[in-house]
Amino acid sequence: MRISRRATLSLRGIALLYLTLLLLLPLGVVFARTFEHGLGVAWGWVTTPAAISAFWLTVLVAVIAVPLNTIFGVSCALALVRGRGRRRTRALLDALIDLPFVVSPVIVGLALVLVYGETGWFGDWFHHHGIRIIYAPAGMVLATIFVSLPFVVREVAPVLIEVGDEQEQEAATLGASGWQTFWRVTLPSIRWGVAYGVVLTTARALGEIGAVLVVSSNVAGSTLTLPLLVYQRDSQVGSQAITGAYAAATELAVMSLIVLIAMTVLGPRRDEPR
């Protein structure tokens, strides 16, 4: 069915209006409120010790969570697409991967508390060995890993299906080992799927607040990330605190914008013939 040019323009206009009202306008208000008292005031809020610590903790959590989820995602995609196991087992694994999409992040945080808290299943053992998981950066990393787990898998698996396994079989026939086949054949063929999955995982890790809020003690300089800093400042009374919240939100928005640019750059390459 062909759509007329007028209908196409109308649909584009509706989509643009929808995005403007729900995304661009609120984002513009955040930027405007951030700089309404001048660049110096906004810069002052961004460079407070709490804001600097929150920025680096946010980056640290992402730096830990993203590589781990990348390794897991590629391995899991290979198990789903190239695996020789039972179909029911692979179907169960495929369903479990989407669990972070359907479970509320708050429930994820609560589950981590029940398992790794001091009175949890494994929390007592960690406590006696001097390892703190909940209300510490380790718990925040676990929460971030869980909520951002599916993205690499869901980007890599379709690419593996598309490229097939003919080249891998040829490499094995020529005497290549499993690792040689992976590094020289499989990985180059899925590199853009991996890259796009990494970008999506990074975006999710940077902006996560629900699960992290539950397992964090919200202490500046220790367990306060940028999203939690925005939440904390927004909860305080006074115009100065609100300005600080907008400044932290703008900083987080700029980081997200960088991720969006990376997605835009990688997007066309995903469509290149392989």
C-alpha atoms as a PDB file:
ATOM      1  CA  MET A   1       0.000   0.000   0.000  1.00  0.00           C
ATOM      2  CA  ARG A   2       1.405   3.349  -1.054  1.00  0.00           C
ATOM      3  CA  ILE A   3       0.936   6.417   1.123  1.00  0.00           C
ATOM      4  CA  SER A   4       0.355   9.769  -0.519  1.00  0.00           C
ATOM      5  CA  ARG A   5       2.843  12.585  -0.114  1.00  0.00           C
ATOM      6  CA  ARG A   6       0.340  14.644   1.892  1.00  0.00           C
ATOM      7  CA  ALA A   7      -0.247  11.762   4.290  1.00  0.00           C
ATOM      8  CA  THR A   8       3.505  11.243   4.645  1.00  0.00           C
ATOM      9  CA  LEU A   9       4.065  14.905   5.469  1.00  0.00           C
ATOM     10  CA  SER A  10       1.175  14.826   7.949  1.00  0.00           C
ATOM     11  CA  LEU A  11       2.617  11.800   9.720  1.00  0.00           C
ATOM     12  CA  ARG A  12       6.040  13.423   9.870  1.00  0.00           C
ATOM     13  CA  GLY A  13       4.512  16.594  11.259  1.00  0.00           C
ATOM     14  CA  ILE A  14       2.636  14.672  13.950  1.00  0.00           C
ATOM     15  CA  ALA A  15       5.783  12.746  14.877  1.00  0.00           C
ATOM     16  CA  LEU A  16       7.823  15.954  15.040  1.00  0.00           C
ATOM     17  CA  LEU A  17       5.181  17.681  17.172  1.00  0.00           C
ATOM     18  CA  TYR A  18       5.034  14.664  19.474  1.00  0.00           C
ATOM     19  CA  LEU A  19       8.811  14.613  19.925  1.00  0.00           C
ATOM     20  CA  THR A  20       8.895  18.375  20.436  1.00  0.00           C
ATOM     21  CA  LEU A  21       6.293  18.330  23.202  1.00  0.00           C
ATOM     22  CA  LEU A  22       7.647  15.274  25.014  1.00  0.00           C
ATOM     23  CA  LEU A  23      11.391  15.590  24.440  1.00  0.00           C
ATOM     24  CA  LEU A  24      12.746  18.769  22.892  1.00  0.00           C
ATOM     25  CA  LEU A  25      10.614  21.255  24.859  1.00  0.00           C
ATOM     26  CA  PRO A  26      11.340  19.771  28.319  1.00  0.00           C
ATOM     27  CA  LEU A  27      15.019  19.457  27.434  1.00  0.00           C
ATOM     28  CA  GLY A  28      15.088  23.063  26.272  1.00  0.00           C
ATOM     29  CA  VAL A  29      13.512  24.164  29.558  1.00  0.00           C
ATOM     30  CA  VAL A  30      16.206  22.297  31.492  1.00  0.00           C
ATOM     31  CA  PHE A  31      18.961  24.074  29.551  1.00  0.00           C
ATOM     32  CA  ALA A  32      17.235  27.437  29.933  1.00  0.00           C
ATOM     33  CA  ARG A  33      16.774  27.044  33.692  1.00  0.00           C
ATOM     34  CA  THR A  34      20.375  25.928  34.052  1.00  0.00           C
ATOM     35  CA  PHE A  35      21.791  29.135  32.579  1.00  0.00           C
ATOM     36  CA  GLU A  36      19.100  31.615  33.676  1.00  0.00           C
ATOM     37  CA  HIS A  37      21.408  32.997  36.402  1.00  0.00           C
ATOM     38  CA  GLY A  38      24.455  33.030  34.169  1.00  0.00           C
ATOM     39  CA  LEU A  39      27.144  30.671  33.023  1.00  0.00           C
ATOM     40  CA  GLY A  40      29.220  31.262  36.157  1.00  0.00           C
ATOM     41  CA  VAL A  41      26.476  30.074  38.490  1.00  0.00           C
ATOM     42  CA  ALA A  42      25.855  26.969  36.399  1.00  0.00           C
ATOM     43  CA  TRP A  43      29.569  26.211  36.235  1.00  0.00           C
ATOM     44  CA  GLY A  44      29.797  26.631  39.985  1.00  0.00           C
ATOM     45  CA  TRP A  45      27.139  23.965  40.542  1.00  0.00           C
ATOM     46  CA  VAL A  46      28.773  21.602  38.043  1.00  0.00           C
ATOM     47  CA  THR A  47      32.194  21.938  39.707  1.00  0.00           C
ATOM     48  CA  THR A  48      31.151  21.410  43.334  1.00  0.00           C
ATOM     49  CA  PRO A  49      32.954  18.513  45.062  1.00  0.00           C
ATOM     50  CA  ALA A  50      29.702  16.534  45.128  1.00  0.00           C
ATOM     51  CA  ALA A  51      29.106  17.065  41.398  1.00  0.00           C
ATOM     52  CA  ILE A  52      32.677  16.160  40.427  1.00  0.00           C
ATOM     53  CA  SER A  53      32.563  13.030  42.579  1.00  0.00           C
ATOM     54  CA  ALA A  54      29.159  12.077  41.155  1.00  0.00           C
ATOM     55  CA  PHE A  55      30.455  12.523  37.604  1.00  0.00           C
ATOM     56  CA  TRP A  56      33.459  10.269  38.126  1.00  0.00           C
ATOM     57  CA  LEU A  57      31.445   7.647  39.986  1.00  0.00           C
ATOM     58  CA  THR A  58      28.935   7.589  37.117  1.00  0.00           C
ATOM     59  CA  VAL A  59      31.787   7.098  34.656  1.00  0.00           C
ATOM     60  CA  LEU A  60      33.378   4.422  36.858  1.00  0.00           C
ATOM     61  CA  VAL A  61      30.155   2.417  37.120  1.00  0.00           C
ATOM     62  CA  ALA A  62      29.723   2.568  33.342  1.00  0.00           C
ATOM     63  CA  VAL A  63      33.374   1.640  32.719  1.00  0.00           C
ATOM     64  CA  ILE A  64      32.915  -1.511  34.820  1.00  0.00           C
ATOM     65  CA  ALA A  65      29.407  -2.481  33.713  1.00  0.00           C
ATOM     66  CA  VAL A  66      29.738  -1.940  29.962  1.00  0.00           C
ATOM     67  CA  PRO A  67      32.761  -4.212  29.275  1.00  0.00           C
ATOM     68  CA  LEU A  68      31.297  -6.985  31.452  1.00  0.00           C
ATOM     69  CA  ASN A  69      27.961  -6.794  29.638  1.00  0.00           C
ATOM     70  CA  THR A  70      29.770  -6.691  26.303  1.00  0.00           C
ATOM     71  CA  ILE A  71      31.647  -9.916  27.051  1.00  0.00           C
ATOM     72  CA  PHE A  72      28.479 -11.536  28.350  1.00  0.00           C
ATOM     73  CA  GLY A  73      26.393 -10.239  25.456  1.00  0.00           C
ATOM     74  CA  VAL A  74      28.680 -11.557  22.731  1.00  0.00           C
ATOM     75  CA  SER A  75      29.061 -14.913  24.492  1.00  0.00           C
ATOM     76  CA  CYS A  76      25.335 -15.219  25.056  1.00  0.00           C
ATOM     77  CA  ALA A  77      24.527 -14.273  21.460  1.00  0.00           C
ATOM     78  CA  LEU A  78      26.916 -16.950  20.244  1.00  0.00           C
ATOM     79  CA  ALA A  79      25.295 -19.491  22.562  1.00  0.00           C
ATOM     80  CA  LEU A  80      21.817 -18.581  21.285  1.00  0.00           C
ATOM     81  CA  VAL A  81      22.626 -18.508  17.569  1.00  0.00           C
ATOM     82  CA  ARG A  82      25.535 -20.934  17.220  1.00  0.00           C
ATOM     83  CA  GLY A  83      24.796 -23.148  20.222  1.00  0.00           C
ATOM     84  CA  ARG A  84      24.075 -26.844  19.769  1.00  0.00           C
ATOM     85  CA  GLY A  85      22.153 -27.297  23.013  1.00  0.00           C
ATOM     86  CA  ARG A  86      18.524 -28.149  23.483  1.00  0.00           C
ATOM     87  CA  ARG A  87      16.000 -25.786  21.982  1.00  0.00           C
ATOM     88  CA  ARG A  88      14.111 -25.456  25.279  1.00  0.00           C
ATOM     89  CA  THR A  89      17.280 -24.462  27.111  1.00  0.00           C
ATOM     90  CA  ARG A  90      18.066 -21.799  24.542  1.00  0.00           C
ATOM     91  CA  ALA A  91      14.457 -20.578  24.633  1.00  0.00           C
ATOM     92  CA  LEU A  92      14.669 -20.240  28.423  1.00  0.00           C
ATOM     93  CA  LEU A  93      17.939 -18.327  28.154  1.00  0.00           C
ATOM     94  CA  ASP A  94      16.437 -16.115  25.462  1.00  0.00           C
ATOM     95  CA  ALA A  95      13.503 -15.289  27.753  1.00  0.00           C
ATOM     96  CA  LEU A  96      15.715 -14.611  30.778  1.00  0.00           C
ATOM     97  CA  ILE A  97      17.785 -12.107  28.814  1.00  0.00           C
ATOM     98  CA  ASP A  98      14.717  -9.888  28.422  1.00  0.00           C
ATOM     99  CA  LEU A  99      13.979  -9.967  32.159  1.00  0.00           C
ATOM    100  CA  PRO A 100      15.507  -6.500  32.784  1.00  0.00           C
ATOM    101  CA  PHE A 101      13.081  -5.086  30.189  1.00  0.00           C
ATOM    102  CA  VAL A 102       9.971  -6.304  32.013  1.00  0.00           C
ATOM    103  CA  VAL A 103      11.005  -6.043  35.683  1.00  0.00           C
ATOM    104  CA  SER A 104      10.896  -2.651  37.374  1.00  0.00           C
ATOM    105  CA  PRO A 105      14.377  -1.364  38.287  1.00  0.00           C
ATOM    106  CA  VAL A 106      13.141  -0.724  41.819  1.00  0.00           C
ATOM    107  CA  ILE A 107      12.310  -4.415  42.155  1.00  0.00           C
ATOM    108  CA  VAL A 108      15.792  -5.221  40.870  1.00  0.00           C
ATOM    109  CA  GLY A 109      17.318  -3.049  43.582  1.00  0.00           C
ATOM    110  CA  LEU A 110      15.134  -4.641  46.243  1.00  0.00           C
ATOM    111  CA  ALA A 111      16.099  -8.125  45.040  1.00  0.00           C
ATOM    112  CA  LEU A 112      19.782  -7.218  45.312  1.00  0.00           C
ATOM    113  CA  VAL A 113      19.208  -6.020  48.879  1.00  0.00           C
ATOM    114  CA  LEU A 114      17.483  -9.300  49.771  1.00  0.00           C
ATOM    115  CA  VAL A 115      20.346 -11.320  48.291  1.00  0.00           C
ATOM    116  CA  TYR A 116      23.447  -9.249  49.126  1.00  0.00           C
ATOM    117  CA  GLY A 117      22.281  -7.161  52.088  1.00  0.00           C
ATOM    118  CA  GLU A 118      23.702  -7.854  55.547  1.00  0.00           C
ATOM    119  CA  THR A 119      20.697 -10.040  56.360  1.00  0.00           C
ATOM    120  CA  GLY A 120      20.403 -11.437  52.829  1.00  0.00           C
ATOM    121  CA  TRP A 121      21.209 -14.883  51.478  1.00  0.00           C
ATOM    122  CA  PHE A 122      24.870 -14.156  50.787  1.00  0.00           C
ATOM    123  CA  GLY A 123      25.186 -10.834  52.606  1.00  0.00           C
ATOM    124  CA  ASP A 124      26.233 -12.370  55.912  1.00  0.00           C
ATOM    125  CA  TRP A 125      29.178 -14.145  54.266  1.00  0.00           C
ATOM    126  CA  PHE A 126      30.338 -10.968  52.519  1.00  0.00           C
ATOM    127  CA  HIS A 127      29.884  -8.992  55.744  1.00  0.00           C
ATOM    128  CA  HIS A 128      32.096 -11.383  57.742  1.00  0.00           C
ATOM    129  CA  HIS A 129      34.802 -11.111  55.073  1.00  0.00           C
ATOM    130  CA  GLY A 130      34.750  -7.324  55.118  1.00  0.00           C
ATOM    131  CA  ILE A 131      33.104  -6.979  51.726  1.00  0.00           C
ATOM    132  CA  ARG A 132      30.245  -4.504  51.457  1.00  0.00           C
ATOM    133  CA  ILE A 133      27.904  -4.879  48.503  1.00  0.00           C
ATOM    134  CA  ILE A 134      24.703  -3.002  49.324  1.00  0.00           C
ATOM    135  CA  TYR A 135      24.947   0.735  50.015  1.00  0.00           C
ATOM    136  CA  ALA A 136      28.357   0.673  48.357  1.00  0.00           C
ATOM    137  CA  PRO A 137      29.647   1.142  44.790  1.00  0.00           C
ATOM    138  CA  ALA A 138      29.755  -2.645  44.284  1.00  0.00           C
ATOM    139  CA  GLY A 139      25.981  -2.895  44.653  1.00  0.00           C
ATOM    140  CA  MET A 140      25.504   0.042  42.298  1.00  0.00           C
ATOM    141  CA  VAL A 141      27.630  -1.724  39.687  1.00  0.00           C
ATOM    142  CA  LEU A 142      25.599  -4.935  40.084  1.00  0.00           C
ATOM    143  CA  ALA A 143      22.344  -3.016  39.661  1.00  0.00           C
ATOM    144  CA  THR A 144      23.651  -1.253  36.563  1.00  0.00           C
ATOM    145  CA  ILE A 145      24.897  -4.507  35.051  1.00  0.00           C
ATOM    146  CA  PHE A 146      21.480  -6.093  35.512  1.00  0.00           C
ATOM    147  CA  VAL A 147      19.413  -3.305  33.967  1.00  0.00           C
ATOM    148  CA  SER A 148      21.764  -2.867  30.978  1.00  0.00           C
ATOM    149  CA  LEU A 149      22.379  -6.565  30.355  1.00  0.00           C
ATOM    150  CA  PRO A 150      20.199  -7.271  27.248  1.00  0.00           C
ATOM    151  CA  PHE A 151      21.390  -4.608  24.804  1.00  0.00           C
ATOM    152  CA  VAL A 152      24.556  -6.197  23.401  1.00  0.00           C
ATOM    153  CA  VAL A 153      22.828  -9.569  23.089  1.00  0.00           C
ATOM    154  CA  ARG A 154      19.880  -8.104  21.215  1.00  0.00           C
ATOM    155  CA  GLU A 155      22.146  -6.202  18.818  1.00  0.00           C
ATOM    156  CA  VAL A 156      24.633  -8.996  18.113  1.00  0.00           C
ATOM    157  CA  ALA A 157      22.281 -11.995  17.774  1.00  0.00           C
ATOM    158  CA  PRO A 158      20.448 -10.702  14.633  1.00  0.00           C
ATOM    159  CA  VAL A 159      23.792  -9.909  13.002  1.00  0.00           C
ATOM    160  CA  LEU A 160      25.040 -13.431  13.678  1.00  0.00           C
ATOM    161  CA  ILE A 161      21.889 -14.823  12.078  1.00  0.00           C
ATOM    162  CA  GLU A 162      22.295 -12.548   9.066  1.00  0.00           C
ATOM    163  CA  VAL A 163      25.958 -13.329   8.345  1.00  0.00           C
ATOM    164  CA  GLY A 164      25.480 -17.073   8.807  1.00  0.00           C
ATOM    165  CA  ASP A 165      28.231 -19.520   9.717  1.00  0.00           C
ATOM    166  CA  GLU A 166      29.635 -20.427   6.293  1.00  0.00           C
ATOM    167  CA  GLN A 167      32.856 -18.445   6.780  1.00  0.00           C
ATOM    168  CA  GLU A 168      33.327 -19.928  10.246  1.00  0.00           C
ATOM    169  CA  GLN A 169      32.945 -23.430   8.847  1.00  0.00           C
ATOM    170  CA  GLU A 170      35.462 -22.656   6.106  1.00  0.00           C
ATOM    171  CA  ALA A 171      37.949 -21.379   8.704  1.00  0.00           C
ATOM    172  CA  ALA A 172      37.505 -24.542  10.770  1.00  0.00           C
ATOM    173  CA  THR A 173      38.010 -26.652   7.645  1.00  0.00           C
ATOM    174  CA  LEU A 174      41.293 -24.857   6.975  1.00  0.00           C
ATOM    175  CA  GLY A 175      42.501 -25.766  10.471  1.00  0.00           C
ATOM    176  CA  ALA A 176      41.731 -22.601  12.452  1.00  0.00           C
ATOM    177  CA  SER A 177      41.111 -23.062  16.158  1.00  0.00           C
ATOM    178  CA  GLY A 178      37.953 -21.812  17.861  1.00  0.00           C
ATOM    179  CA  TRP A 179      39.682 -18.665  19.154  1.00  0.00           C
ATOM    180  CA  GLN A 180      41.282 -17.944  15.791  1.00  0.00           C
ATOM    181  CA  THR A 181      37.928 -18.303  14.080  1.00  0.00           C
ATOM    182  CA  PHE A 182      36.297 -15.967  16.592  1.00  0.00           C
ATOM    183  CA  TRP A 183      38.948 -13.232  16.430  1.00  0.00           C
ATOM    184  CA  ARG A 184      39.572 -13.314  12.677  1.00  0.00           C
ATOM    185  CA  VAL A 185      36.145 -14.248  11.273  1.00  0.00           C
ATOM    186  CA  THR A 186      33.272 -13.911  13.728  1.00  0.00           C
ATOM    187  CA  LEU A 187      34.211 -10.707  15.560  1.00  0.00           C
ATOM    188  CA  PRO A 188      34.977  -8.647  12.422  1.00  0.00           C
ATOM    189  CA  SER A 189      31.607  -9.643  10.960  1.00  0.00           C
ATOM    190  CA  ILE A 190      29.665  -8.543  14.052  1.00  0.00           C
ATOM    191  CA  ARG A 191      31.771  -5.536  15.053  1.00  0.00           C
ATOM    192  CA  TRP A 192      29.136  -2.915  14.249  1.00  0.00           C
ATOM    193  CA  GLY A 193      26.462  -4.835  16.125  1.00  0.00           C
ATOM    194  CA  VAL A 194      28.803  -5.021  19.103  1.00  0.00           C
ATOM    195  CA  ALA A 195      29.610  -1.318  18.826  1.00  0.00           C
ATOM    196  CA  TYR A 196      25.952  -0.315  18.671  1.00  0.00           C
ATOM    197  CA  GLY A 197      25.140  -2.582  21.613  1.00  0.00           C
ATOM    198  CA  VAL A 198      27.950  -0.991  23.605  1.00  0.00           C
ATOM    199  CA  VAL A 199      26.560   2.467  22.878  1.00  0.00           C
ATOM    200  CA  LEU A 200      23.078   1.476  24.053  1.00  0.00           C
ATOM    201  CA  THR A 201      24.510  -0.209  27.156  1.00  0.00           C
ATOM    202  CA  THR A 202      26.513   2.914  27.948  1.00  0.00           C
ATOM    203  CA  ALA A 203      23.459   5.125  27.616  1.00  0.00           C
ATOM    204  CA  ARG A 204      21.480   2.880  29.969  1.00  0.00           C
ATOM    205  CA  ALA A 205      24.334   2.698  32.470  1.00  0.00           C
ATOM    206  CA  LEU A 206      24.791   6.474  32.580  1.00  0.00           C
ATOM    207  CA  GLY A 207      21.127   7.237  33.175  1.00  0.00           C
ATOM    208  CA  GLU A 208      20.100   4.440  35.542  1.00  0.00           C
ATOM    209  CA  ILE A 209      18.496   5.647  38.777  1.00  0.00           C
ATOM    210  CA  GLY A 210      15.738   3.246  39.916  1.00  0.00           C
ATOM    211  CA  ALA A 211      17.762   0.180  40.890  1.00  0.00           C
ATOM    212  CA  VAL A 212      20.811   2.233  41.883  1.00  0.00           C
ATOM    213  CA  LEU A 213      18.708   4.413  44.189  1.00  0.00           C
ATOM    214  CA  VAL A 214      17.659   1.376  46.214  1.00  0.00           C
ATOM    215  CA  VAL A 215      21.171  -0.012  46.707  1.00  0.00           C
ATOM    216  CA  SER A 216      22.915   3.339  47.187  1.00  0.00           C
ATOM    217  CA  SER A 217      23.348   5.233  50.463  1.00  0.00           C
ATOM    218  CA  ASN A 218      23.258   8.538  48.509  1.00  0.00           C
ATOM    219  CA  VAL A 219      26.346   9.873  50.253  1.00  0.00           C
ATOM    220  CA  ALA A 220      28.173  12.566  48.298  1.00  0.00           C
ATOM    221  CA  GLY A 221      31.699  11.546  47.467  1.00  0.00           C
ATOM    222  CA  SER A 222      30.948   7.876  48.044  1.00  0.00           C
ATOM    223  CA  THR A 223      27.758   6.476  46.509  1.00  0.00           C
ATOM    224  CA  LEU A 224      26.200   9.404  44.665  1.00  0.00           C
ATOM    225  CA  THR A 225      26.001   9.265  40.869  1.00  0.00           C
ATOM    226  CA  LEU A 226      24.837  12.075  38.590  1.00  0.00           C
ATOM    227  CA  PRO A 227      21.223  10.805  38.268  1.00  0.00           C
ATOM    228  CA  LEU A 228      21.067  10.445  42.060  1.00  0.00           C
ATOM    229  CA  LEU A 229      22.539  13.939  42.452  1.00  0.00           C
ATOM    230  CA  VAL A 230      19.762  15.348  40.262  1.00  0.00           C
ATOM    231  CA  TYR A 231      17.189  13.496  42.386  1.00  0.00           C
ATOM    232  CA  GLN A 232      18.773  14.661  45.634  1.00  0.00           C
ATOM    233  CA  ARG A 233      19.022  18.321  44.645  1.00  0.00           C
ATOM    234  CA  ASP A 234      15.498  18.318  43.241  1.00  0.00           C
ATOM    235  CA  SER A 235      14.212  17.042  46.602  1.00  0.00           C
ATOM    236  CA  GLN A 236      15.800  19.945  48.485  1.00  0.00           C
ATOM    237  CA  VAL A 237      13.964  23.192  49.192  1.00  0.00           C
ATOM    238  CA  GLY A 238      15.104  26.478  47.673  1.00  0.00           C
ATOM    239  CA  SER A 239      15.727  28.000  44.274  1.00  0.00           C
ATOM    240  CA  GLN A 240      19.480  27.489  44.530  1.00  0.00           C
ATOM    241  CA  ALA A 241      19.052  23.742  45.013  1.00  0.00           C
ATOM    242  CA  ILE A 242      16.722  23.603  42.002  1.00  0.00           C
ATOM    243  CA  THR A 243      19.317  25.437  39.910  1.00  0.00           C
ATOM    244  CA  GLY A 244      21.872  22.875  41.043  1.00  0.00           C
ATOM    245  CA  ALA A 245      19.526  20.075  40.005  1.00  0.00           C
ATOM    246  CA  TYR A 246      19.119  21.625  36.550  1.00  0.00           C
ATOM    247  CA  ALA A 247      22.902  22.018  36.238  1.00  0.00           C
ATOM    248  CA  ALA A 248      23.489  18.355  37.077  1.00  0.00           C
ATOM    249  CA  ALA A 249      20.695  17.361  34.681  1.00  0.00           C
ATOM    250  CA  THR A 250      22.320  19.405  31.911  1.00  0.00           C
ATOM    251  CA  GLU A 251      25.648  17.701  32.547  1.00  0.00           C
ATOM    252  CA  LEU A 252      23.944  14.317  32.306  1.00  0.00           C
ATOM    253  CA  ALA A 253      22.102  15.438  29.159  1.00  0.00           C
ATOM    254  CA  VAL A 254      25.382  16.424  27.503  1.00  0.00           C
ATOM    255  CA  MET A 255      26.817  12.981  28.270  1.00  0.00           C
ATOM    256  CA  SER A 256      23.703  11.396  26.789  1.00  0.00           C
ATOM    257  CA  LEU A 257      23.988  13.651  23.735  1.00  0.00           C
ATOM    258  CA  ILE A 258      27.501  12.361  23.144  1.00  0.00           C
ATOM    259  CA  VAL A 259      26.133   8.813  23.262  1.00  0.00           C
ATOM    260  CA  LEU A 260      23.374   9.819  20.828  1.00  0.00           C
ATOM    261  CA  ILE A 261      25.934  11.208  18.405  1.00  0.00           C
ATOM    262  CA  ALA A 262      27.836   7.925  18.615  1.00  0.00           C
ATOM    263  CA  MET A 263      24.613   6.047  17.804  1.00  0.00           C
ATOM    264  CA  THR A 264      24.016   8.324  14.822  1.00  0.00           C
ATOM    265  CA  VAL A 265      27.536   7.782  13.524  1.00  0.00           C
ATOM    266  CA  LEU A 266      27.318   4.015  13.913  1.00  0.00           C
ATOM    267  CA  GLY A 267      23.777   3.746  12.560  1.00  0.00           C
ATOM    268  CA  PRO A 268      24.492   3.956   8.813  1.00  0.00           C
ATOM    269  CA  ARG A 269      27.371   1.492   9.097  1.00  0.00           C
ATOM    270  CA  ARG A 270      25.039  -1.137  10.474  1.00  0.00           C
ATOM    271  CA  ASP A 271      23.227  -1.122   7.158  1.00  0.00           C
ATOM    272  CA  GLU A 272      26.357  -1.619   5.071  1.00  0.00           C
ATOM    273  CA  PRO A 273      26.445  -4.896   3.183  1.00  0.00           C
ATOM    274  CA  ARG A 274      28.567  -7.471   4.943  1.00  0.00           C
END
